[in-house]
Amino acid sequence: MARWRVIIDGPKSASFNMAADAFLFEQAETHSPDPVLRLYAWDRPSITIGHHQRLERAVDRQKLGETPVVRRITGGRALLHDDGEITYAIAGDFRRHPMLGDTLAASYRLIAEAIIRFYQALGRPAEMAYRDDPVLLSGGGGFQKGCFASVSRFEITADGRKLAASSQRRG
């Protein structure tokens, strides 16, 4: 069984958090023999947008004021990160570590199962979505809906609401 490296970071800026995730991803592809779990927080409300999103369709910059907006190395849609949130990143070479899942779907399922066990250990209800709910891709004014506007397969829900989201990138 592989050893995991665990990094627990306190609140950091959006730019730092995304740069750290990118660094860990690069290291996983080239140097790191062990998978890494990074848990972190945000020093102020911040928005991340998916790797392939167009900024002008993802957020209305005029309404955001000084809220930082940064791009993730993973996919997905715009997401507001706020106080009290715990964010995770997992970086590892899935070819060397089968426990990361050999497909995107397998990875999503394995990660969701672990997060659900965590919620349940805290006494909180949580379950896995097994199908995609219809996604309304366009919001008002031509902006795309945010990440929590819909539920995708293997995301975590409770009482019909999305609790946690995941996005991935494979090298």
Protein backbone atom coordinates (compact mmCIF):
# COMPACT_ATOMS: atom_id res chain seq x y z
CA MET A 1 0.00 0.00 0.00
CA ALA A 2 1.30 3.45 -0.91
CA ARG A 3 2.20 6.01 1.69
CA TRP A 4 0.32 9.27 1.44
CA ARG A 5 1.87 12.64 2.03
CA VAL A 6 -0.59 14.94 3.82
CA ILE A 7 -0.29 18.72 3.73
CA ILE A 8 -2.54 20.81 5.96
CA ASP A 9 -2.40 24.49 5.08
CA GLY A 10 -4.06 27.31 6.96
CA PRO A 11 -5.94 30.05 5.12
CA LYS A 12 -4.04 31.30 2.07
CA SER A 13 -4.77 33.57 -0.88
CA ALA A 14 -6.57 32.25 -3.94
CA SER A 15 -3.43 32.72 -6.03
CA PHE A 16 -1.31 30.77 -3.54
CA ASN A 17 -3.84 27.94 -3.29
CA MET A 18 -4.11 27.46 -7.05
CA ALA A 19 -0.32 27.74 -7.52
CA ALA A 20 0.20 25.10 -4.80
CA ASP A 21 -2.28 22.76 -6.50
CA ALA A 22 -0.54 23.26 -9.86
CA PHE A 23 2.86 22.58 -8.27
CA LEU A 24 1.63 19.36 -6.64
CA PHE A 25 0.12 18.20 -9.94
CA GLU A 26 3.40 18.86 -11.76
CA GLN A 27 5.37 17.04 -9.05
CA ALA A 28 3.01 14.05 -9.22
CA GLU A 29 3.66 13.76 -12.95
CA THR A 30 7.43 14.04 -12.75
CA HIS A 31 8.95 13.47 -9.31
CA SER A 32 6.69 12.43 -6.46
CA PRO A 33 6.53 8.68 -5.79
CA ASP A 34 3.68 9.02 -3.26
CA PRO A 35 0.22 10.53 -3.69
CA VAL A 36 -0.45 13.79 -1.84
CA LEU A 37 -3.58 14.95 -0.02
CA ARG A 38 -3.62 18.69 0.58
CA LEU A 39 -6.29 20.24 2.83
CA TYR A 40 -6.54 24.01 2.81
CA ALA A 41 -8.64 27.10 3.44
CA TRP A 42 -9.06 30.56 1.96
CA ASP A 43 -7.96 33.83 3.56
CA ARG A 44 -10.91 35.69 2.03
CA PRO A 45 -13.91 34.88 -0.16
CA SER A 46 -12.56 33.98 -3.59
CA ILE A 47 -13.81 32.51 -6.85
CA THR A 48 -12.10 29.84 -8.88
CA ILE A 49 -13.08 29.11 -12.45
CA GLY A 50 -12.52 25.89 -14.37
CA HIS A 51 -9.52 25.41 -16.64
CA HIS A 52 -11.62 25.63 -19.81
CA GLN A 53 -14.09 28.34 -18.75
CA ARG A 54 -14.12 31.71 -20.42
CA LEU A 55 -13.76 34.34 -17.71
CA GLU A 56 -16.28 36.70 -19.29
CA ARG A 57 -18.96 33.94 -19.27
CA ALA A 58 -18.07 32.55 -15.84
CA VAL A 59 -18.36 35.64 -13.65
CA ASP A 60 -19.62 39.21 -13.76
CA ARG A 61 -16.45 41.10 -12.79
CA GLN A 62 -18.35 44.38 -12.30
CA LYS A 63 -20.47 42.87 -9.52
CA LEU A 64 -17.55 41.18 -7.74
CA GLY A 65 -15.68 44.24 -6.59
CA GLU A 66 -12.37 43.17 -5.04
CA THR A 67 -13.22 39.45 -4.87
CA PRO A 68 -10.24 37.55 -6.30
CA VAL A 69 -10.91 35.33 -9.32
CA VAL A 70 -8.33 32.70 -10.27
CA ARG A 71 -8.26 29.78 -12.70
CA ARG A 72 -7.99 26.18 -11.46
CA ILE A 73 -5.86 23.61 -13.25
CA THR A 74 -8.91 21.32 -13.18
CA GLY A 75 -12.18 21.54 -15.06
CA GLY A 76 -15.59 22.40 -13.74
CA ARG A 77 -17.51 25.63 -13.32
CA ALA A 78 -17.09 28.78 -11.25
CA LEU A 79 -17.08 28.21 -7.51
CA LEU A 80 -17.18 30.62 -4.58
CA HIS A 81 -14.82 29.59 -1.77
CA ASP A 82 -15.72 31.15 1.57
CA ASP A 83 -14.92 31.21 5.27
CA GLY A 84 -15.15 27.87 7.02
CA GLU A 85 -14.72 25.87 3.85
CA ILE A 86 -12.25 23.02 3.67
CA THR A 87 -10.86 22.43 0.20
CA TYR A 88 -8.91 19.36 -0.82
CA ALA A 89 -6.50 18.51 -3.59
CA ILE A 90 -5.23 15.04 -4.39
CA ALA A 91 -2.19 14.72 -6.63
CA GLY A 92 -0.77 11.39 -7.69
CA ASP A 93 0.09 9.28 -10.68
CA PHE A 94 -2.94 7.02 -11.18
CA ARG A 95 -0.79 4.66 -13.28
CA ARG A 96 1.41 3.94 -10.24
CA HIS A 97 -1.36 4.10 -7.63
CA PRO A 98 -4.46 2.05 -8.54
CA MET A 99 -6.25 3.29 -5.40
CA LEU A 100 -6.63 6.63 -7.23
CA GLY A 101 -8.82 4.93 -9.84
CA ASP A 102 -7.89 3.96 -13.37
CA THR A 103 -10.58 6.14 -14.98
CA LEU A 104 -12.06 9.54 -14.22
CA ALA A 105 -15.32 7.92 -13.12
CA ALA A 106 -13.50 5.51 -10.81
CA SER A 107 -11.55 8.39 -9.22
CA TYR A 108 -14.69 10.44 -8.67
CA ARG A 109 -16.43 7.46 -7.06
CA LEU A 110 -13.51 6.55 -4.77
CA ILE A 111 -13.03 10.14 -3.61
CA ALA A 112 -16.77 10.61 -3.07
CA GLU A 113 -16.94 7.44 -0.97
CA ALA A 114 -14.12 8.73 1.26
CA ILE A 115 -15.77 12.16 1.69
CA ILE A 116 -19.13 10.55 2.50
CA ARG A 117 -17.49 8.41 5.21
CA PHE A 118 -15.97 11.62 6.63
CA TYR A 119 -19.37 13.38 6.74
CA GLN A 120 -20.97 10.32 8.32
CA ALA A 121 -18.20 10.14 10.97
CA LEU A 122 -19.19 13.71 11.88
CA GLY A 123 -22.81 12.60 12.18
CA ARG A 124 -23.87 14.48 9.04
CA PRO A 125 -26.06 12.92 6.37
CA ALA A 126 -24.40 12.48 2.99
CA GLU A 127 -24.98 10.35 -0.07
CA MET A 128 -23.61 9.95 -3.56
CA ALA A 129 -25.45 11.12 -6.67
CA TYR A 130 -25.63 8.27 -9.18
CA ARG A 131 -26.84 10.27 -12.15
CA ASP A 132 -26.42 13.74 -13.56
CA ASP A 133 -29.19 16.21 -12.86
CA PRO A 134 -30.05 18.45 -15.79
CA VAL A 135 -27.64 21.35 -15.97
CA LEU A 136 -28.85 24.79 -16.93
CA LEU A 137 -25.64 26.07 -18.51
CA SER A 138 -26.68 29.64 -19.02
CA GLY A 139 -27.75 31.93 -16.23
CA GLY A 140 -29.05 35.45 -16.45
CA GLY A 141 -27.16 37.84 -18.71
CA GLY A 142 -25.42 35.05 -20.61
CA PHE A 143 -23.37 33.89 -17.62
CA GLN A 144 -22.88 30.19 -16.95
CA LYS A 145 -24.41 28.79 -13.78
CA GLY A 146 -21.97 28.10 -10.96
CA CYS A 147 -20.75 24.74 -9.75
CA PHE A 148 -23.42 24.27 -7.07
CA ALA A 149 -26.32 24.99 -9.49
CA SER A 150 -26.47 21.31 -10.46
CA VAL A 151 -25.38 17.87 -9.31
CA SER A 152 -23.21 15.52 -11.34
CA ARG A 153 -22.71 11.80 -10.94
CA PHE A 154 -20.54 10.89 -7.93
CA GLU A 155 -20.94 14.26 -6.23
CA ILE A 156 -22.05 14.38 -2.60
CA THR A 157 -25.55 15.47 -1.63
CA ALA A 158 -27.84 15.64 1.40
CA ASP A 159 -31.53 16.46 1.38
CA GLY A 160 -31.37 17.13 -2.36
CA ARG A 161 -28.58 19.72 -2.00
CA LYS A 162 -25.00 19.48 -3.20
CA LEU A 163 -22.56 19.35 -0.28
CA ALA A 164 -19.25 18.86 -2.05
CA ALA A 165 -17.93 19.11 -5.57
CA SER A 166 -14.92 17.59 -7.28
CA SER A 167 -13.02 18.29 -10.46
CA GLN A 168 -10.07 16.51 -11.97
CA ARG A 169 -7.18 16.80 -14.32
CA ARG A 170 -5.13 13.94 -15.65
CA GLY A 171 -1.71 14.33 -17.21
